[in-house]
N, C-alpha and C. Protein backbone atom coordinates (compact mmCIF):
# COMPACT_ATOMS: atom_id res chain seq x y z
N UNK A 1 21.71 -23.99 10.50
CA UNK A 1 20.60 -24.83 10.53
C UNK A 1 21.14 -26.13 9.54
N UNK A 2 20.71 -27.12 10.07
CA UNK A 2 21.18 -28.25 9.15
C UNK A 2 20.37 -28.45 7.87
N UNK A 3 20.78 -28.99 6.80
CA UNK A 3 19.84 -29.04 5.49
C UNK A 3 18.96 -30.06 5.69
N UNK A 4 19.08 -31.05 6.58
CA UNK A 4 18.06 -32.01 6.71
C UNK A 4 16.67 -31.56 7.32
N UNK A 5 16.74 -30.32 8.16
CA UNK A 5 15.57 -29.82 8.66
C UNK A 5 14.80 -29.05 7.54
N UNK A 6 15.46 -28.82 6.46
CA UNK A 6 14.55 -28.12 5.45
C UNK A 6 13.93 -29.01 4.37
N UNK A 7 14.10 -30.56 4.58
CA UNK A 7 13.50 -31.21 3.73
C UNK A 7 11.95 -31.10 3.63
N UNK A 8 11.41 -30.95 2.36
CA UNK A 8 10.10 -30.57 2.17
C UNK A 8 9.70 -29.20 2.21
N UNK A 9 10.60 -28.22 2.61
CA UNK A 9 10.32 -26.87 2.80
C UNK A 9 11.26 -25.92 1.73
N UNK A 10 12.29 -26.65 1.07
CA UNK A 10 13.13 -25.91 0.37
C UNK A 10 12.62 -25.31 -0.96
N UNK A 11 11.61 -25.98 -1.50
CA UNK A 11 10.98 -25.38 -2.64
C UNK A 11 10.16 -23.98 -2.16
N UNK A 12 9.54 -24.09 -1.08
CA UNK A 12 8.78 -22.82 -0.87
C UNK A 12 9.54 -21.75 -0.46
N UNK A 13 10.76 -22.14 0.20
CA UNK A 13 11.70 -20.88 0.54
C UNK A 13 12.22 -20.29 -0.71
N UNK A 14 12.40 -21.26 -1.59
CA UNK A 14 13.23 -20.63 -2.94
C UNK A 14 12.14 -19.89 -3.62
N UNK A 15 10.81 -20.50 -3.74
CA UNK A 15 9.89 -19.71 -4.51
C UNK A 15 9.47 -18.44 -3.72
N UNK A 16 9.49 -18.30 -2.42
CA UNK A 16 9.28 -17.21 -1.58
C UNK A 16 10.46 -16.02 -1.82
N UNK A 17 11.53 -16.30 -2.30
CA UNK A 17 12.46 -15.27 -2.49
C UNK A 17 12.62 -14.81 -3.61
N UNK A 18 11.63 -15.30 -4.75
CA UNK A 18 11.51 -14.89 -5.93
C UNK A 18 10.04 -14.07 -6.07
N UNK A 19 9.34 -13.86 -4.84
CA UNK A 19 7.88 -13.47 -4.96
C UNK A 19 8.01 -12.03 -5.36
N UNK A 20 8.93 -11.23 -5.02
CA UNK A 20 8.97 -9.78 -5.29
C UNK A 20 9.56 -9.47 -6.64
N UNK A 21 9.94 -10.50 -7.29
CA UNK A 21 10.58 -10.21 -8.66
C UNK A 21 11.86 -11.12 -8.95
N UNK A 22 12.08 -11.03 -10.31
CA UNK A 22 13.28 -11.98 -10.79
C UNK A 22 14.42 -11.63 -10.00
N UNK A 23 15.28 -12.80 -9.83
CA UNK A 23 16.59 -12.72 -9.42
C UNK A 23 17.49 -13.79 -10.12
N UNK A 24 18.76 -13.49 -10.27
CA UNK A 24 19.72 -14.59 -10.63
C UNK A 24 19.98 -15.44 -9.62
N UNK A 25 20.50 -16.65 -9.93
CA UNK A 25 20.61 -17.73 -8.83
C UNK A 25 21.25 -17.45 -7.63
N UNK A 26 22.43 -16.83 -7.76
CA UNK A 26 23.24 -16.58 -6.53
C UNK A 26 22.43 -15.49 -5.84
N UNK A 27 21.80 -14.60 -6.37
CA UNK A 27 20.93 -13.60 -5.59
C UNK A 27 19.77 -14.24 -4.72
N UNK A 28 19.41 -15.31 -5.33
CA UNK A 28 18.17 -16.03 -4.54
C UNK A 28 18.91 -16.61 -3.33
N UNK A 29 20.05 -17.22 -3.28
CA UNK A 29 20.87 -17.84 -2.42
C UNK A 29 21.23 -16.92 -1.33
N UNK A 30 21.55 -15.61 -1.63
CA UNK A 30 21.84 -14.52 -0.94
C UNK A 30 20.67 -13.93 -0.11
N UNK A 31 19.58 -13.84 -0.86
CA UNK A 31 18.31 -13.27 -0.37
C UNK A 31 17.83 -14.22 0.89
N UNK A 32 17.97 -15.57 0.67
CA UNK A 32 17.43 -16.43 1.52
C UNK A 32 18.34 -16.44 2.81
N UNK A 33 19.57 -16.08 2.60
CA UNK A 33 20.73 -16.02 3.77
C UNK A 33 20.32 -14.75 4.35
N UNK A 34 20.21 -13.67 3.79
CA UNK A 34 19.91 -12.21 4.48
C UNK A 34 18.72 -12.33 5.15
N UNK A 35 17.60 -12.82 4.48
CA UNK A 35 16.33 -12.61 5.27
C UNK A 35 16.12 -13.42 6.53
N UNK A 36 17.11 -14.41 6.62
CA UNK A 36 17.24 -15.24 7.90
C UNK A 36 18.36 -15.02 8.76
N UNK A 37 18.82 -13.84 8.57
CA UNK A 37 19.89 -13.45 9.43
C UNK A 37 20.91 -14.33 9.44
N UNK A 38 21.39 -14.89 8.18
CA UNK A 38 22.38 -15.86 8.01
C UNK A 38 22.20 -17.20 8.46
N UNK A 39 21.05 -17.55 8.92
CA UNK A 39 20.71 -18.93 9.63
C UNK A 39 20.49 -20.00 8.50
N UNK A 40 20.12 -19.46 7.38
CA UNK A 40 19.97 -20.35 6.20
C UNK A 40 20.96 -19.80 5.16
N UNK A 41 22.16 -20.32 5.22
CA UNK A 41 23.21 -20.02 4.29
C UNK A 41 23.60 -21.38 3.51
N UNK A 42 22.60 -21.79 2.52
CA UNK A 42 22.71 -22.89 1.91
C UNK A 42 23.75 -22.94 0.89
N UNK A 43 24.35 -24.04 0.61
CA UNK A 43 25.62 -24.04 -0.38
C UNK A 43 24.92 -24.07 -1.67
N UNK A 44 25.79 -23.61 -2.87
CA UNK A 44 25.19 -23.28 -4.00
C UNK A 44 24.82 -24.77 -4.60
N UNK A 45 25.53 -25.85 -4.13
CA UNK A 45 25.10 -27.19 -4.59
C UNK A 45 23.78 -27.69 -4.29
N UNK A 46 23.06 -27.02 -3.31
CA UNK A 46 21.76 -27.35 -2.83
C UNK A 46 20.82 -26.36 -3.54
N UNK A 47 21.08 -25.14 -3.87
CA UNK A 47 20.22 -24.16 -4.35
C UNK A 47 20.16 -24.36 -5.88
N UNK A 48 21.21 -24.32 -6.69
CA UNK A 48 21.18 -24.40 -8.13
C UNK A 48 20.41 -25.76 -8.76
N UNK A 49 20.60 -26.72 -8.08
CA UNK A 49 19.77 -27.96 -8.63
C UNK A 49 18.27 -27.87 -8.21
N UNK A 50 17.97 -27.18 -7.06
CA UNK A 50 16.59 -27.14 -6.76
C UNK A 50 15.90 -26.08 -7.74
N UNK A 51 16.62 -25.08 -7.98
CA UNK A 51 16.25 -24.10 -9.07
C UNK A 51 15.77 -24.79 -10.26
N UNK A 52 16.79 -25.74 -10.80
CA UNK A 52 16.71 -26.29 -11.95
C UNK A 52 15.33 -27.16 -11.90
N UNK A 53 15.36 -27.77 -10.74
CA UNK A 53 13.87 -28.61 -10.61
C UNK A 53 12.71 -27.92 -10.61
N UNK A 54 12.76 -26.73 -9.90
CA UNK A 54 11.60 -25.86 -9.92
C UNK A 54 11.21 -25.39 -11.34
N UNK A 55 12.33 -25.35 -12.13
CA UNK A 55 12.05 -24.62 -13.34
C UNK A 55 11.58 -25.68 -14.46
N UNK A 56 12.07 -27.13 -14.14
CA UNK A 56 11.49 -28.06 -14.92
C UNK A 56 10.04 -28.42 -14.72
N UNK A 57 9.64 -28.02 -13.36
CA UNK A 57 8.29 -28.38 -12.92
C UNK A 57 7.37 -27.29 -13.45
N UNK A 58 7.89 -26.01 -13.85
CA UNK A 58 6.92 -25.04 -14.56
C UNK A 58 6.74 -24.14 -13.37
N UNK A 59 7.42 -24.09 -12.00
CA UNK A 59 6.99 -23.26 -11.06
C UNK A 59 7.75 -21.92 -11.17
N UNK A 60 8.99 -21.85 -11.76
CA UNK A 60 9.67 -20.75 -12.28
C UNK A 60 10.05 -20.78 -13.67
N UNK A 61 10.36 -19.79 -14.06
CA UNK A 61 10.92 -19.62 -15.55
C UNK A 61 12.30 -18.73 -15.53
N UNK A 62 13.27 -19.21 -16.38
CA UNK A 62 14.56 -18.88 -16.34
C UNK A 62 14.96 -18.21 -17.71
N UNK A 63 15.77 -17.23 -17.73
CA UNK A 63 16.13 -16.46 -18.83
C UNK A 63 17.76 -16.32 -18.67
N UNK A 64 18.41 -16.17 -19.68
CA UNK A 64 19.90 -15.96 -19.66
C UNK A 64 19.99 -14.36 -19.95
N UNK A 65 21.06 -13.81 -19.35
CA UNK A 65 21.58 -12.45 -19.57
C UNK A 65 22.90 -12.40 -19.43
N UNK A 66 23.49 -11.32 -19.88
CA UNK A 66 25.08 -11.06 -19.83
C UNK A 66 25.05 -9.87 -18.86
N UNK A 67 25.64 -10.00 -17.77
CA UNK A 67 25.90 -8.79 -16.92
C UNK A 67 27.39 -8.65 -16.60
N UNK A 68 28.14 -7.58 -16.80
CA UNK A 68 29.51 -7.37 -16.85
C UNK A 68 30.25 -8.35 -17.55
N UNK A 69 29.79 -8.73 -18.71
CA UNK A 69 30.61 -9.94 -19.46
C UNK A 69 30.17 -11.21 -18.95
N UNK A 70 29.44 -11.45 -18.04
CA UNK A 70 29.20 -12.91 -17.48
C UNK A 70 27.87 -13.37 -17.81
N UNK A 71 27.54 -14.37 -18.16
CA UNK A 71 26.35 -15.02 -18.41
C UNK A 71 25.64 -15.46 -17.08
N UNK A 72 24.46 -14.95 -16.92
CA UNK A 72 24.00 -15.47 -15.73
C UNK A 72 22.50 -15.76 -15.97
N UNK A 73 21.80 -16.67 -15.20
CA UNK A 73 20.47 -17.06 -15.40
C UNK A 73 19.55 -16.35 -14.22
N UNK A 74 18.48 -15.71 -14.76
CA UNK A 74 17.61 -15.01 -13.90
C UNK A 74 16.25 -15.84 -13.91
N UNK A 75 15.67 -15.96 -12.64
CA UNK A 75 14.59 -16.77 -12.48
C UNK A 75 13.49 -15.85 -11.88
N UNK A 76 12.09 -16.21 -12.46
CA UNK A 76 10.92 -15.48 -11.88
C UNK A 76 9.81 -16.48 -11.79
N UNK A 77 9.11 -16.20 -10.75
CA UNK A 77 7.84 -17.12 -10.40
C UNK A 77 6.97 -17.08 -11.67
N UNK A 78 6.33 -18.23 -11.91
CA UNK A 78 5.29 -18.16 -12.91
C UNK A 78 3.97 -18.28 -12.18
N UNK A 79 2.76 -18.34 -12.79
CA UNK A 79 1.59 -18.29 -12.07
C UNK A 79 1.18 -19.62 -11.36
N UNK A 80 1.77 -20.85 -11.84
CA UNK A 80 1.88 -22.08 -11.09
C UNK A 80 2.67 -22.03 -10.01
N UNK A 81 3.71 -21.26 -10.07
CA UNK A 81 4.77 -21.08 -8.99
C UNK A 81 4.10 -20.12 -7.80
N UNK A 82 3.27 -19.35 -8.16
CA UNK A 82 2.64 -18.39 -7.08
C UNK A 82 1.42 -19.34 -6.34
N UNK A 83 0.89 -20.17 -7.23
CA UNK A 83 -0.06 -21.15 -6.54
C UNK A 83 0.51 -22.01 -5.74
N UNK A 84 1.69 -22.48 -6.00
CA UNK A 84 2.49 -23.44 -5.19
C UNK A 84 3.15 -22.83 -4.10
N UNK A 85 3.34 -21.59 -4.02
CA UNK A 85 3.95 -20.85 -2.92
C UNK A 85 2.99 -20.72 -2.00
N UNK A 86 1.73 -20.21 -2.32
CA UNK A 86 0.55 -20.15 -1.54
C UNK A 86 0.33 -21.40 -0.79
N UNK A 87 0.24 -22.76 -1.41
CA UNK A 87 0.08 -23.91 -0.82
C UNK A 87 1.20 -24.23 0.22
N UNK A 88 2.45 -23.96 -0.16
CA UNK A 88 3.52 -24.10 0.67
C UNK A 88 3.35 -23.34 1.93
N UNK A 89 3.00 -22.05 1.64
CA UNK A 89 2.67 -21.36 3.03
C UNK A 89 1.62 -22.01 3.97
N UNK A 90 0.63 -22.24 3.39
CA UNK A 90 -0.57 -23.15 4.00
C UNK A 90 -0.16 -24.35 4.76
N UNK A 91 0.77 -25.12 4.03
CA UNK A 91 1.34 -26.29 4.48
C UNK A 91 2.26 -26.09 5.77
N UNK A 92 2.91 -24.97 5.46
CA UNK A 92 3.81 -24.70 6.62
C UNK A 92 3.07 -24.14 8.03
N UNK A 93 2.08 -23.40 7.89
CA UNK A 93 1.28 -22.98 8.97
C UNK A 93 0.76 -24.16 9.67
N UNK A 94 0.21 -25.02 8.92
CA UNK A 94 -0.40 -26.24 9.67
C UNK A 94 0.77 -27.12 10.27
N UNK A 95 1.84 -27.42 9.52
CA UNK A 95 3.21 -28.11 10.26
C UNK A 95 3.46 -27.30 11.41
N UNK A 96 3.70 -26.10 11.34
CA UNK A 96 4.22 -25.63 12.54
C UNK A 96 3.22 -25.58 13.67
N UNK A 97 2.02 -25.41 13.49
CA UNK A 97 1.01 -25.45 14.38
C UNK A 97 0.89 -26.86 15.06
N UNK A 98 1.16 -27.82 14.42
CA UNK A 98 0.95 -29.15 14.98
C UNK A 98 2.20 -29.59 15.67
N UNK A 99 3.45 -29.14 15.15
CA UNK A 99 4.76 -29.33 15.85
C UNK A 99 4.65 -28.46 17.29
N UNK A 100 4.24 -27.24 17.22
CA UNK A 100 4.13 -26.31 18.24
C UNK A 100 3.20 -26.99 19.26
N UNK A 101 2.13 -27.49 18.90
CA UNK A 101 1.16 -28.30 19.81
C UNK A 101 1.81 -29.63 20.55
N UNK A 102 2.58 -30.20 19.60
CA UNK A 102 3.23 -31.49 20.22
C UNK A 102 4.55 -31.20 21.20
N UNK A 103 5.11 -30.18 21.10
CA UNK A 103 6.04 -29.67 21.85
C UNK A 103 5.78 -28.73 22.97
N UNK A 104 4.39 -28.89 23.23
CA UNK A 104 3.74 -28.04 24.34
C UNK A 104 3.43 -26.64 24.21
N UNK A 105 3.38 -26.11 22.71
CA UNK A 105 2.89 -24.81 22.61
C UNK A 105 3.89 -23.72 23.00
N UNK A 106 4.87 -23.75 23.66
CA UNK A 106 5.66 -22.78 24.07
C UNK A 106 6.71 -22.52 23.11
N UNK A 107 7.43 -21.37 23.36
CA UNK A 107 8.43 -21.00 22.42
C UNK A 107 9.60 -21.92 22.21
N UNK A 108 10.24 -22.18 21.13
CA UNK A 108 11.21 -23.05 21.14
C UNK A 108 12.59 -22.11 20.86
N UNK A 109 13.50 -22.58 21.53
CA UNK A 109 13.83 -23.32 22.85
C UNK A 109 13.04 -22.75 23.98
N UNK A 110 12.64 -23.54 24.68
CA UNK A 110 11.78 -22.90 26.11
C UNK A 110 12.89 -22.08 26.87
N UNK A 111 12.44 -20.91 27.32
CA UNK A 111 13.06 -19.95 28.10
C UNK A 111 12.89 -20.06 29.47
N UNK A 112 13.82 -20.06 30.16
CA UNK A 112 13.54 -20.05 31.85
C UNK A 112 13.87 -18.84 32.56
């Protein structure tokens, strides 16, 4: 899937990966890849800047730890992040319904 198709949805996707508990940055990237069957295999150059932006916005909080002698940053949702995730889900449902209606309401791609 092209990165352009994710515009406006990346934040919600990243917040959703943190819904079940804290994860370090690379695990967030891998969880998103795994839950989508590999269809969203985003580059680290996309994921990490977005995580930093979400942290600055107060939607997630990060903390440093040392695992196996390596420092890594672990992220978790804040209450504000949980509210933002709920809003992102609502927005997505509305967006998907509108696009489905515009495309004829059938499954995409159409099967013959």
